[in-house]
Amino acid sequence: MILLQLAGELTGACLTFVRLCFLSHSAILARLMVAEKQLCFFIERGAKPRRARTDEQILLVLLASFHNWRDSIVIVTPRTFQNWIRQYVLRRSLAICGQKPSGRKPVPLETHDHFIR
């Protein structure tokens, strides 16, 4: 029984790998961004993600076959998508290096009011 379950999981992982090999670079980045966003939600809420049971996975596959995923797509401009990718790459590279984003410190309100006058 355990070997059959392991063989099923291995087959599923291999099929996922083959499917990912045919995706474009931007599609893979989009998947990574979604996965990172989900992980941030889990961390923020303090919940631990759990792996779906086999019967739940079968139900999800059946439900996904009846769902028209094209209705769920949000259309954005290419510029917006490029900005999302830049922000993702910046966050990932800074996380790998262990640095915080650099930039100019905010101007104090007193100084800001002085310039406006």
PDB file of N, CA and C in Angstrom:
ATOM      1  N   MET A   1       0.823  -1.196   0.000  1.00  0.00           N
ATOM      2  CA  MET A   1       0.000   0.000   0.000  1.00  0.00           C
ATOM      3  C   MET A   1       0.870   1.263   0.000  1.00  0.00           C
ATOM      4  N   ILE A   2       1.898   1.241   0.850  1.00  0.00           N
ATOM      5  CA  ILE A   2       2.786   2.408   0.932  1.00  0.00           C
ATOM      6  C   ILE A   2       3.566   2.567  -0.367  1.00  0.00           C
ATOM      7  N   LEU A   3       3.998   1.438  -0.956  1.00  0.00           N
ATOM      8  CA  LEU A   3       4.733   1.516  -2.220  1.00  0.00           C
ATOM      9  C   LEU A   3       3.847   2.045  -3.337  1.00  0.00           C
ATOM     10  N   LEU A   4       2.587   1.666  -3.336  1.00  0.00           N
ATOM     11  CA  LEU A   4       1.664   2.161  -4.345  1.00  0.00           C
ATOM     12  C   LEU A   4       1.452   3.671  -4.196  1.00  0.00           C
ATOM     13  N   GLN A   5       1.325   4.130  -2.953  1.00  0.00           N
ATOM     14  CA  GLN A   5       1.156   5.561  -2.702  1.00  0.00           C
ATOM     15  C   GLN A   5       2.421   6.324  -3.107  1.00  0.00           C
ATOM     16  N   LEU A   6       3.589   5.763  -2.787  1.00  0.00           N
ATOM     17  CA  LEU A   6       4.858   6.398  -3.155  1.00  0.00           C
ATOM     18  C   LEU A   6       5.014   6.458  -4.670  1.00  0.00           C
ATOM     19  N   ALA A   7       4.626   5.370  -5.357  1.00  0.00           N
ATOM     20  CA  ALA A   7       4.708   5.354  -6.818  1.00  0.00           C
ATOM     21  C   ALA A   7       3.775   6.402  -7.419  1.00  0.00           C
ATOM     22  N   GLY A   8       2.594   6.573  -6.839  1.00  0.00           N
ATOM     23  CA  GLY A   8       1.662   7.589  -7.323  1.00  0.00           C
ATOM     24  C   GLY A   8       2.210   8.993  -7.141  1.00  0.00           C
ATOM     25  N   GLU A   9       2.810   9.251  -5.987  1.00  0.00           N
ATOM     26  CA  GLU A   9       3.386  10.577  -5.739  1.00  0.00           C
ATOM     27  C   GLU A   9       4.571  10.843  -6.661  1.00  0.00           C
ATOM     28  N   LEU A  10       5.388   9.814  -6.901  1.00  0.00           N
ATOM     29  CA  LEU A  10       6.545   9.969  -7.786  1.00  0.00           C
ATOM     30  C   LEU A  10       6.088  10.225  -9.222  1.00  0.00           C
ATOM     31  N   THR A  11       5.068   9.518  -9.648  1.00  0.00           N
ATOM     32  CA  THR A  11       4.530   9.733 -10.993  1.00  0.00           C
ATOM     33  C   THR A  11       3.973  11.146 -11.127  1.00  0.00           C
ATOM     34  N   GLY A  12       3.244  11.595 -10.114  1.00  0.00           N
ATOM     35  CA  GLY A  12       2.704  12.953 -10.144  1.00  0.00           C
ATOM     36  C   GLY A  12       3.803  13.999 -10.194  1.00  0.00           C
ATOM     37  N   ALA A  13       4.873  13.784  -9.420  1.00  0.00           N
ATOM     38  CA  ALA A  13       5.989  14.735  -9.425  1.00  0.00           C
ATOM     39  C   ALA A  13       6.678  14.759 -10.785  1.00  0.00           C
ATOM     40  N   CYS A  14       6.831  13.587 -11.408  1.00  0.00           N
ATOM     41  CA  CYS A  14       7.465  13.527 -12.730  1.00  0.00           C
ATOM     42  C   CYS A  14       6.608  14.230 -13.782  1.00  0.00           C
ATOM     43  N   LEU A  15       5.301  14.022 -13.727  1.00  0.00           N
ATOM     44  CA  LEU A  15       4.416  14.692 -14.678  1.00  0.00           C
ATOM     45  C   LEU A  15       4.432  16.206 -14.485  1.00  0.00           C
ATOM     46  N   THR A  16       4.478  16.640 -13.233  1.00  0.00           N
ATOM     47  CA  THR A  16       4.574  18.075 -12.957  1.00  0.00           C
ATOM     48  C   THR A  16       5.868  18.649 -13.514  1.00  0.00           C
ATOM     49  N   PHE A  17       6.968  17.917 -13.346  1.00  0.00           N
ATOM     50  CA  PHE A  17       8.259  18.369 -13.857  1.00  0.00           C
ATOM     51  C   PHE A  17       8.229  18.494 -15.380  1.00  0.00           C
ATOM     52  N   VAL A  18       7.654  17.483 -16.047  1.00  0.00           N
ATOM     53  CA  VAL A  18       7.582  17.526 -17.511  1.00  0.00           C
ATOM     54  C   VAL A  18       6.727  18.700 -17.966  1.00  0.00           C
ATOM     55  N   ARG A  19       5.601  18.928 -17.266  1.00  0.00           N
ATOM     56  CA  ARG A  19       4.733  20.050 -17.625  1.00  0.00           C
ATOM     57  C   ARG A  19       5.450  21.387 -17.436  1.00  0.00           C
ATOM     58  N   LEU A  20       6.241  21.511 -16.356  1.00  0.00           N
ATOM     59  CA  LEU A  20       6.966  22.757 -16.103  1.00  0.00           C
ATOM     60  C   LEU A  20       8.076  22.993 -17.131  1.00  0.00           C
ATOM     61  N   CYS A  21       8.605  21.923 -17.698  1.00  0.00           N
ATOM     62  CA  CYS A  21       9.656  22.078 -18.703  1.00  0.00           C
ATOM     63  C   CYS A  21       9.153  22.788 -19.956  1.00  0.00           C
ATOM     64  N   PHE A  22       7.858  22.688 -20.221  1.00  0.00           N
ATOM     65  CA  PHE A  22       7.300  23.299 -21.421  1.00  0.00           C
ATOM     66  C   PHE A  22       6.726  24.685 -21.174  1.00  0.00           C
ATOM     67  N   LEU A  23       6.800  25.187 -19.961  1.00  0.00           N
ATOM     68  CA  LEU A  23       6.293  26.525 -19.658  1.00  0.00           C
ATOM     69  C   LEU A  23       7.344  27.578 -20.006  1.00  0.00           C
ATOM     70  N   SER A  24       6.884  28.767 -20.310  1.00  0.00           N
ATOM     71  CA  SER A  24       7.804  29.863 -20.582  1.00  0.00           C
ATOM     72  C   SER A  24       8.403  30.373 -19.270  1.00  0.00           C
ATOM     73  N   HIS A  25       9.449  31.137 -19.403  1.00  0.00           N
ATOM     74  CA  HIS A  25      10.129  31.678 -18.216  1.00  0.00           C
ATOM     75  C   HIS A  25       9.200  32.582 -17.410  1.00  0.00           C
ATOM     76  N   SER A  26       8.426  33.416 -18.108  1.00  0.00           N
ATOM     77  CA  SER A  26       7.522  34.323 -17.403  1.00  0.00           C
ATOM     78  C   SER A  26       6.402  33.550 -16.690  1.00  0.00           C
ATOM     79  N   ALA A  27       5.946  32.437 -17.278  1.00  0.00           N
ATOM     80  CA  ALA A  27       4.909  31.628 -16.628  1.00  0.00           C
ATOM     81  C   ALA A  27       5.448  30.983 -15.355  1.00  0.00           C
ATOM     82  N   ILE A  28       6.688  30.540 -15.396  1.00  0.00           N
ATOM     83  CA  ILE A  28       7.303  29.950 -14.197  1.00  0.00           C
ATOM     84  C   ILE A  28       7.476  31.017 -13.122  1.00  0.00           C
ATOM     85  N   LEU A  29       7.911  32.226 -13.520  1.00  0.00           N
ATOM     86  CA  LEU A  29       8.038  33.313 -12.547  1.00  0.00           C
ATOM     87  C   LEU A  29       6.686  33.672 -11.931  1.00  0.00           C
ATOM     88  N   ALA A  30       5.638  33.649 -12.745  1.00  0.00           N
ATOM     89  CA  ALA A  30       4.303  33.943 -12.221  1.00  0.00           C
ATOM     90  C   ALA A  30       3.888  32.894 -11.202  1.00  0.00           C
ATOM     91  N   ARG A  31       4.168  31.629 -11.482  1.00  0.00           N
ATOM     92  CA  ARG A  31       3.850  30.564 -10.522  1.00  0.00           C
ATOM     93  C   ARG A  31       4.636  30.746  -9.228  1.00  0.00           C
ATOM     94  N   LEU A  32       5.902  31.116  -9.353  1.00  0.00           N
ATOM     95  CA  LEU A  32       6.720  31.333  -8.158  1.00  0.00           C
ATOM     96  C   LEU A  32       6.186  32.490  -7.324  1.00  0.00           C
ATOM     97  N   MET A  33       5.741  33.551  -8.006  1.00  0.00           N
ATOM     98  CA  MET A  33       5.206  34.704  -7.274  1.00  0.00           C
ATOM     99  C   MET A  33       3.943  34.323  -6.514  1.00  0.00           C
ATOM    100  N   VAL A  34       3.087  33.527  -7.138  1.00  0.00           N
ATOM    101  CA  VAL A  34       1.855  33.094  -6.470  1.00  0.00           C
ATOM    102  C   VAL A  34       2.189  32.207  -5.272  1.00  0.00           C
ATOM    103  N   ALA A  35       3.138  31.287  -5.468  1.00  0.00           N
ATOM    104  CA  ALA A  35       3.522  30.400  -4.371  1.00  0.00           C
ATOM    105  C   ALA A  35       4.138  31.188  -3.215  1.00  0.00           C
ATOM    106  N   GLU A  36       4.957  32.192  -3.544  1.00  0.00           N
ATOM    107  CA  GLU A  36       5.560  33.009  -2.487  1.00  0.00           C
ATOM    108  C   GLU A  36       4.500  33.804  -1.736  1.00  0.00           C
ATOM    109  N   LYS A  37       3.503  34.303  -2.453  1.00  0.00           N
ATOM    110  CA  LYS A  37       2.414  35.050  -1.818  1.00  0.00           C
ATOM    111  C   LYS A  37       1.620  34.146  -0.872  1.00  0.00           C
ATOM    112  N   GLN A  38       1.350  32.909  -1.299  1.00  0.00           N
ATOM    113  CA  GLN A  38       0.648  31.967  -0.436  1.00  0.00           C
ATOM    114  C   GLN A  38       1.469  31.659   0.811  1.00  0.00           C
ATOM    115  N   LEU A  39       2.770  31.478   0.632  1.00  0.00           N
ATOM    116  CA  LEU A  39       3.637  31.199   1.774  1.00  0.00           C
ATOM    117  C   LEU A  39       3.647  32.375   2.740  1.00  0.00           C
ATOM    118  N   CYS A  40       3.665  33.597   2.223  1.00  0.00           N
ATOM    119  CA  CYS A  40       3.613  34.783   3.085  1.00  0.00           C
ATOM    120  C   CYS A  40       2.316  34.824   3.882  1.00  0.00           C
ATOM    121  N   PHE A  41       1.186  34.449   3.248  1.00  0.00           N
ATOM    122  CA  PHE A  41      -0.091  34.403   3.968  1.00  0.00           C
ATOM    123  C   PHE A  41      -0.040  33.383   5.102  1.00  0.00           C
ATOM    124  N   PHE A  42       0.541  32.207   4.824  1.00  0.00           N
ATOM    125  CA  PHE A  42       0.640  31.185   5.859  1.00  0.00           C
ATOM    126  C   PHE A  42       1.507  31.662   7.026  1.00  0.00           C
ATOM    127  N   ILE A  43       2.629  32.287   6.708  1.00  0.00           N
ATOM    128  CA  ILE A  43       3.535  32.779   7.754  1.00  0.00           C
ATOM    129  C   ILE A  43       2.864  33.893   8.548  1.00  0.00           C
ATOM    130  N   GLU A  44       2.177  34.794   7.841  1.00  0.00           N
ATOM    131  CA  GLU A  44       1.515  35.927   8.493  1.00  0.00           C
ATOM    132  C   GLU A  44       0.428  35.450   9.454  1.00  0.00           C
ATOM    133  N   ARG A  45      -0.309  34.437   9.054  1.00  0.00           N
ATOM    134  CA  ARG A  45      -1.403  33.934   9.897  1.00  0.00           C
ATOM    135  C   ARG A  45      -0.950  32.895  10.904  1.00  0.00           C
ATOM    136  N   GLY A  46       0.284  32.438  10.807  1.00  0.00           N
ATOM    137  CA  GLY A  46       0.808  31.453  11.740  1.00  0.00           C
ATOM    138  C   GLY A  46       0.251  30.057  11.508  1.00  0.00           C
ATOM    139  N   ALA A  47      -0.288  29.799  10.326  1.00  0.00           N
ATOM    140  CA  ALA A  47      -0.852  28.485  10.015  1.00  0.00           C
ATOM    141  C   ALA A  47       0.184  27.653   9.273  1.00  0.00           C
ATOM    142  N   LYS A  48       0.070  26.344   9.426  1.00  0.00           N
ATOM    143  CA  LYS A  48       0.965  25.448   8.719  1.00  0.00           C
ATOM    144  C   LYS A  48       0.205  24.815   7.556  1.00  0.00           C
ATOM    145  N   PRO A  49       0.756  24.911   6.346  1.00  0.00           N
ATOM    146  CA  PRO A  49       0.076  24.271   5.219  1.00  0.00           C
ATOM    147  C   PRO A  49       0.129  22.759   5.365  1.00  0.00           C
ATOM    148  N   ARG A  50      -0.910  22.089   4.915  1.00  0.00           N
ATOM    149  CA  ARG A  50      -0.922  20.630   4.986  1.00  0.00           C
ATOM    150  C   ARG A  50      -1.130  20.074   3.591  1.00  0.00           C
ATOM    151  N   ARG A  51      -0.610  18.901   3.378  1.00  0.00           N
ATOM    152  CA  ARG A  51      -0.766  18.244   2.084  1.00  0.00           C
ATOM    153  C   ARG A  51      -2.161  17.632   2.018  1.00  0.00           C
ATOM    154  N   ALA A  52      -2.825  17.829   0.882  1.00  0.00           N
ATOM    155  CA  ALA A  52      -4.178  17.309   0.708  1.00  0.00           C
ATOM    156  C   ALA A  52      -4.140  15.780   0.614  1.00  0.00           C
ATOM    157  N   ARG A  53      -5.152  15.153   1.201  1.00  0.00           N
ATOM    158  CA  ARG A  53      -5.265  13.700   1.112  1.00  0.00           C
ATOM    159  C   ARG A  53      -5.592  13.304  -0.321  1.00  0.00           C
ATOM    160  N   THR A  54      -5.464  12.027  -0.613  1.00  0.00           N
ATOM    161  CA  THR A  54      -5.691  11.540  -1.972  1.00  0.00           C
ATOM    162  C   THR A  54      -7.116  11.814  -2.435  1.00  0.00           C
ATOM    163  N   ASP A  55      -8.101  11.579  -1.559  1.00  0.00           N
ATOM    164  CA  ASP A  55      -9.485  11.822  -1.957  1.00  0.00           C
ATOM    165  C   ASP A  55      -9.735  13.316  -2.198  1.00  0.00           C
ATOM    166  N   GLU A  56      -9.069  14.171  -1.419  1.00  0.00           N
ATOM    167  CA  GLU A  56      -9.196  15.616  -1.640  1.00  0.00           C
ATOM    168  C   GLU A  56      -8.556  16.019  -2.966  1.00  0.00           C
ATOM    169  N   GLN A  57      -7.421  15.413  -3.289  1.00  0.00           N
ATOM    170  CA  GLN A  57      -6.755  15.717  -4.547  1.00  0.00           C
ATOM    171  C   GLN A  57      -7.622  15.315  -5.738  1.00  0.00           C
ATOM    172  N   ILE A  58      -8.253  14.139  -5.649  1.00  0.00           N
ATOM    173  CA  ILE A  58      -9.126  13.680  -6.728  1.00  0.00           C
ATOM    174  C   ILE A  58     -10.304  14.634  -6.883  1.00  0.00           C
ATOM    175  N   LEU A  59     -10.884  15.051  -5.756  1.00  0.00           N
ATOM    176  CA  LEU A  59     -11.998  15.985  -5.804  1.00  0.00           C
ATOM    177  C   LEU A  59     -11.578  17.317  -6.427  1.00  0.00           C
ATOM    178  N   LEU A  60     -10.387  17.795  -6.076  1.00  0.00           N
ATOM    179  CA  LEU A  60      -9.894  19.055  -6.647  1.00  0.00           C
ATOM    180  C   LEU A  60      -9.680  18.941  -8.153  1.00  0.00           C
ATOM    181  N   VAL A  61      -9.167  17.800  -8.600  1.00  0.00           N
ATOM    182  CA  VAL A  61      -8.963  17.604 -10.037  1.00  0.00           C
ATOM    183  C   VAL A  61     -10.302  17.591 -10.763  1.00  0.00           C
ATOM    184  N   LEU A  62     -11.287  16.899 -10.177  1.00  0.00           N
ATOM    185  CA  LEU A  62     -12.617  16.863 -10.797  1.00  0.00           C
ATOM    186  C   LEU A  62     -13.256  18.253 -10.833  1.00  0.00           C
ATOM    187  N   LEU A  63     -13.143  18.991  -9.730  1.00  0.00           N
ATOM    188  CA  LEU A  63     -13.708  20.337  -9.697  1.00  0.00           C
ATOM    189  C   LEU A  63     -12.992  21.270 -10.671  1.00  0.00           C
ATOM    190  N   ALA A  64     -11.669  21.098 -10.787  1.00  0.00           N
ATOM    191  CA  ALA A  64     -10.902  21.945 -11.697  1.00  0.00           C
ATOM    192  C   ALA A  64     -11.287  21.683 -13.146  1.00  0.00           C
ATOM    193  N   SER A  65     -11.695  20.452 -13.451  1.00  0.00           N
ATOM    194  CA  SER A  65     -12.086  20.154 -14.831  1.00  0.00           C
ATOM    195  C   SER A  65     -13.403  20.840 -15.195  1.00  0.00           C
ATOM    196  N   PHE A  66     -14.246  21.131 -14.201  1.00  0.00           N
ATOM    197  CA  PHE A  66     -15.507  21.818 -14.466  1.00  0.00           C
ATOM    198  C   PHE A  66     -15.393  23.334 -14.375  1.00  0.00           C
ATOM    199  N   HIS A  67     -14.299  23.829 -13.817  1.00  0.00           N
ATOM    200  CA  HIS A  67     -14.133  25.268 -13.635  1.00  0.00           C
ATOM    201  C   HIS A  67     -13.477  25.873 -14.872  1.00  0.00           C
ATOM    202  N   ASN A  68     -14.026  26.940 -15.356  1.00  0.00           N
ATOM    203  CA  ASN A  68     -13.432  27.647 -16.484  1.00  0.00           C
ATOM    204  C   ASN A  68     -12.422  28.651 -15.929  1.00  0.00           C
ATOM    205  N   TRP A  69     -11.150  28.296 -15.959  1.00  0.00           N
ATOM    206  CA  TRP A  69     -10.119  29.114 -15.335  1.00  0.00           C
ATOM    207  C   TRP A  69      -9.937  30.443 -16.049  1.00  0.00           C
ATOM    208  N   ARG A  70     -10.358  30.536 -17.284  1.00  0.00           N
ATOM    209  CA  ARG A  70     -10.194  31.795 -18.021  1.00  0.00           C
ATOM    210  C   ARG A  70     -11.045  32.918 -17.419  1.00  0.00           C
ATOM    211  N   ASP A  71     -12.132  32.548 -16.727  1.00  0.00           N
ATOM    212  CA  ASP A  71     -12.961  33.557 -16.074  1.00  0.00           C
ATOM    213  C   ASP A  71     -12.281  34.154 -14.845  1.00  0.00           C
ATOM    214  N   SER A  72     -11.281  33.465 -14.316  1.00  0.00           N
ATOM    215  CA  SER A  72     -10.612  33.918 -13.093  1.00  0.00           C
ATOM    216  C   SER A  72      -9.403  34.795 -13.373  1.00  0.00           C
ATOM    217  N   ILE A  73      -9.050  34.975 -14.617  1.00  0.00           N
ATOM    218  CA  ILE A  73      -7.845  35.730 -14.960  1.00  0.00           C
ATOM    219  C   ILE A  73      -8.119  37.230 -14.851  1.00  0.00           C
ATOM    220  N   VAL A  74      -7.168  37.933 -14.272  1.00  0.00           N
ATOM    221  CA  VAL A  74      -7.230  39.387 -14.195  1.00  0.00           C
ATOM    222  C   VAL A  74      -6.264  39.935 -15.232  1.00  0.00           C
ATOM    223  N   ILE A  75      -6.746  40.808 -16.079  1.00  0.00           N
ATOM    224  CA  ILE A  75      -5.910  41.358 -17.136  1.00  0.00           C
ATOM    225  C   ILE A  75      -5.180  42.579 -16.592  1.00  0.00           C
ATOM    226  N   VAL A  76      -3.859  42.550 -16.708  1.00  0.00           N
ATOM    227  CA  VAL A  76      -3.032  43.680 -16.291  1.00  0.00           C
ATOM    228  C   VAL A  76      -2.151  44.076 -17.470  1.00  0.00           C
ATOM    229  N   THR A  77      -1.600  45.261 -17.390  1.00  0.00           N
ATOM    230  CA  THR A  77      -0.717  45.716 -18.460  1.00  0.00           C
ATOM    231  C   THR A  77       0.639  45.021 -18.339  1.00  0.00           C
ATOM    232  N   PRO A  78       1.358  44.890 -19.427  1.00  0.00           N
ATOM    233  CA  PRO A  78       2.692  44.280 -19.351  1.00  0.00           C
ATOM    234  C   PRO A  78       3.621  45.036 -18.409  1.00  0.00           C
ATOM    235  N   ARG A  79       3.454  46.343 -18.337  1.00  0.00           N
ATOM    236  CA  ARG A  79       4.292  47.151 -17.444  1.00  0.00           C
ATOM    237  C   ARG A  79       4.076  46.744 -15.983  1.00  0.00           C
ATOM    238  N   THR A  80       2.815  46.522 -15.605  1.00  0.00           N
ATOM    239  CA  THR A  80       2.509  46.101 -14.237  1.00  0.00           C
ATOM    240  C   THR A  80       3.150  44.752 -13.948  1.00  0.00           C
ATOM    241  N   PHE A  81       3.031  43.830 -14.895  1.00  0.00           N
ATOM    242  CA  PHE A  81       3.618  42.504 -14.692  1.00  0.00           C
ATOM    243  C   PHE A  81       5.133  42.589 -14.589  1.00  0.00           C
ATOM    244  N   GLN A  82       5.762  43.431 -15.404  1.00  0.00           N
ATOM    245  CA  GLN A  82       7.209  43.611 -15.312  1.00  0.00           C
ATOM    246  C   GLN A  82       7.601  44.181 -13.954  1.00  0.00           C
ATOM    247  N   ASN A  83       6.815  45.118 -13.433  1.00  0.00           N
ATOM    248  CA  ASN A  83       7.096  45.669 -12.103  1.00  0.00           C
ATOM    249  C   ASN A  83       6.976  44.594 -11.030  1.00  0.00           C
ATOM    250  N   TRP A  84       5.973  43.723 -11.154  1.00  0.00           N
ATOM    251  CA  TRP A  84       5.827  42.625 -10.192  1.00  0.00           C
ATOM    252  C   TRP A  84       7.055  41.723 -10.228  1.00  0.00           C
ATOM    253  N   ILE A  85       7.543  41.418 -11.433  1.00  0.00           N
ATOM    254  CA  ILE A  85       8.710  40.545 -11.557  1.00  0.00           C
ATOM    255  C   ILE A  85       9.943  41.228 -10.975  1.00  0.00           C
ATOM    256  N   ARG A  86      10.122  42.530 -11.262  1.00  0.00           N
ATOM    257  CA  ARG A  86      11.264  43.255 -10.695  1.00  0.00           C
ATOM    258  C   ARG A  86      11.235  43.245  -9.174  1.00  0.00           C
ATOM    259  N   GLN A  87      10.052  43.504  -8.603  1.00  0.00           N
ATOM    260  CA  GLN A  87       9.923  43.497  -7.141  1.00  0.00           C
ATOM    261  C   GLN A  87      10.218  42.113  -6.578  1.00  0.00           C
ATOM    262  N   TYR A  88       9.756  41.069  -7.259  1.00  0.00           N
ATOM    263  CA  TYR A  88      10.000  39.707  -6.807  1.00  0.00           C
ATOM    264  C   TYR A  88      11.497  39.391  -6.831  1.00  0.00           C
ATOM    265  N   VAL A  89      12.149  39.722  -7.949  1.00  0.00           N
ATOM    266  CA  VAL A  89      13.581  39.444  -8.067  1.00  0.00           C
ATOM    267  C   VAL A  89      14.361  40.235  -7.019  1.00  0.00           C
ATOM    268  N   LEU A  90      13.981  41.487  -6.779  1.00  0.00           N
ATOM    269  CA  LEU A  90      14.662  42.298  -5.775  1.00  0.00           C
ATOM    270  C   LEU A  90      14.499  41.689  -4.383  1.00  0.00           C
ATOM    271  N   ARG A  91      13.263  41.292  -4.043  1.00  0.00           N
ATOM    272  CA  ARG A  91      13.031  40.679  -2.724  1.00  0.00           C
ATOM    273  C   ARG A  91      13.823  39.397  -2.565  1.00  0.00           C
ATOM    274  N   ARG A  92      13.845  38.564  -3.617  1.00  0.00           N
ATOM    275  CA  ARG A  92      14.561  37.292  -3.542  1.00  0.00           C
ATOM    276  C   ARG A  92      16.064  37.519  -3.413  1.00  0.00           C
ATOM    277  N   SER A  93      16.605  38.440  -4.203  1.00  0.00           N
ATOM    278  CA  SER A  93      18.048  38.665  -4.161  1.00  0.00           C
ATOM    279  C   SER A  93      18.468  39.263  -2.820  1.00  0.00           C
ATOM    280  N   LEU A  94      17.656  40.158  -2.269  1.00  0.00           N
ATOM    281  CA  LEU A  94      17.989  40.727  -0.960  1.00  0.00           C
ATOM    282  C   LEU A  94      17.834  39.692   0.144  1.00  0.00           C
ATOM    283  N   ALA A  95      16.862  38.801   0.007  1.00  0.00           N
ATOM    284  CA  ALA A  95      16.679  37.759   1.007  1.00  0.00           C
ATOM    285  C   ALA A  95      17.848  36.786   0.986  1.00  0.00           C
ATOM    286  N   ILE A  96      18.362  36.490  -0.197  1.00  0.00           N
ATOM    287  CA  ILE A  96      19.499  35.575  -0.303  1.00  0.00           C
ATOM    288  C   ILE A  96      20.736  36.211   0.309  1.00  0.00           C
ATOM    289  N   CYS A  97      20.944  37.493   0.064  1.00  0.00           N
ATOM    290  CA  CYS A  97      22.117  38.197   0.595  1.00  0.00           C
ATOM    291  C   CYS A  97      21.950  38.565   2.068  1.00  0.00           C
ATOM    292  N   GLY A  98      20.729  38.522   2.565  1.00  0.00           N
ATOM    293  CA  GLY A  98      20.484  38.887   3.960  1.00  0.00           C
ATOM    294  C   GLY A  98      20.481  40.385   4.193  1.00  0.00           C
ATOM    295  N   GLN A  99      20.176  41.145   3.152  1.00  0.00           N
ATOM    296  CA  GLN A  99      20.170  42.597   3.266  1.00  0.00           C
ATOM    297  C   GLN A  99      18.744  43.121   3.262  1.00  0.00           C
ATOM    298  N   LYS A 100      18.610  44.327   3.738  1.00  0.00           N
ATOM    299  CA  LYS A 100      17.330  45.024   3.660  1.00  0.00           C
ATOM    300  C   LYS A 100      17.394  45.980   2.479  1.00  0.00           C
ATOM    301  N   PRO A 101      16.245  46.311   1.880  1.00  0.00           N
ATOM    302  CA  PRO A 101      16.274  47.243   0.755  1.00  0.00           C
ATOM    303  C   PRO A 101      16.867  48.589   1.168  1.00  0.00           C
ATOM    304  N   SER A 102      17.755  49.093   0.343  1.00  0.00           N
ATOM    305  CA  SER A 102      18.367  50.383   0.652  1.00  0.00           C
ATOM    306  C   SER A 102      17.594  51.480  -0.052  1.00  0.00           C
ATOM    307  N   GLY A 103      17.827  52.658   0.368  1.00  0.00           N
ATOM    308  CA  GLY A 103      17.159  53.805  -0.234  1.00  0.00           C
ATOM    309  C   GLY A 103      17.355  55.014   0.646  1.00  0.00           C
ATOM    310  N   ARG A 104      16.892  56.127   0.160  1.00  0.00           N
ATOM    311  CA  ARG A 104      17.023  57.361   0.920  1.00  0.00           C
ATOM    312  C   ARG A 104      16.071  57.329   2.109  1.00  0.00           C
ATOM    313  N   LYS A 105      16.536  57.827   3.231  1.00  0.00           N
ATOM    314  CA  LYS A 105      15.688  57.890   4.412  1.00  0.00           C
ATOM    315  C   LYS A 105      14.605  58.942   4.196  1.00  0.00           C
ATOM    316  N   PRO A 106      13.440  58.753   4.794  1.00  0.00           N
ATOM    317  CA  PRO A 106      12.370  59.731   4.593  1.00  0.00           C
ATOM    318  C   PRO A 106      12.741  61.101   5.166  1.00  0.00           C
ATOM    319  N   VAL A 107      12.266  62.121   4.490  1.00  0.00           N
ATOM    320  CA  VAL A 107      12.521  63.492   4.920  1.00  0.00           C
ATOM    321  C   VAL A 107      11.613  63.807   6.103  1.00  0.00           C
ATOM    322  N   PRO A 108      12.156  64.387   7.190  1.00  0.00           N
ATOM    323  CA  PRO A 108      11.306  64.747   8.325  1.00  0.00           C
ATOM    324  C   PRO A 108      10.226  65.741   7.913  1.00  0.00           C
ATOM    325  N   LEU A 109       9.099  65.696   8.607  1.00  0.00           N
ATOM    326  CA  LEU A 109       7.964  66.553   8.257  1.00  0.00           C
ATOM    327  C   LEU A 109       8.299  68.030   8.374  1.00  0.00           C
ATOM    328  N   GLU A 110       9.120  68.402   9.367  1.00  0.00           N
ATOM    329  CA  GLU A 110       9.476  69.810   9.525  1.00  0.00           C
ATOM    330  C   GLU A 110      10.238  70.305   8.294  1.00  0.00           C
ATOM    331  N   THR A 111      11.164  69.505   7.816  1.00  0.00           N
ATOM    332  CA  THR A 111      11.941  69.884   6.646  1.00  0.00           C
ATOM    333  C   THR A 111      11.051  69.897   5.408  1.00  0.00           C
ATOM    334  N   HIS A 112      10.165  68.929   5.319  1.00  0.00           N
ATOM    335  CA  HIS A 112       9.250  68.845   4.181  1.00  0.00           C
ATOM    336  C   HIS A 112       8.361  70.096   4.119  1.00  0.00           C
ATOM    337  N   ASP A 113       7.821  70.521   5.270  1.00  0.00           N
ATOM    338  CA  ASP A 113       7.002  71.733   5.316  1.00  0.00           C
ATOM    339  C   ASP A 113       7.805  72.963   4.941  1.00  0.00           C
ATOM    340  N   HIS A 114       9.081  73.002   5.311  1.00  0.00           N
ATOM    341  CA  HIS A 114       9.944  74.132   4.991  1.00  0.00           C
ATOM    342  C   HIS A 114      10.116  74.293   3.481  1.00  0.00           C
ATOM    343  N   PHE A 115      10.255  73.167   2.775  1.00  0.00           N
ATOM    344  CA  PHE A 115      10.451  73.224   1.326  1.00  0.00           C
ATOM    345  C   PHE A 115       9.176  73.616   0.606  1.00  0.00           C
ATOM    346  N   ILE A 116       8.028  73.301   1.146  1.00  0.00           N
ATOM    347  CA  ILE A 116       6.762  73.589   0.484  1.00  0.00           C
ATOM    348  C   ILE A 116       6.471  75.086   0.518  1.00  0.00           C
ATOM    349  N   ARG A 117       6.875  75.775   1.565  1.00  0.00           N
ATOM    350  CA  ARG A 117       6.581  77.213   1.688  1.00  0.00           C
ATOM    351  C   ARG A 117       7.251  78.017   0.681  1.00  0.00           C
TER     352      ARG A 117
END
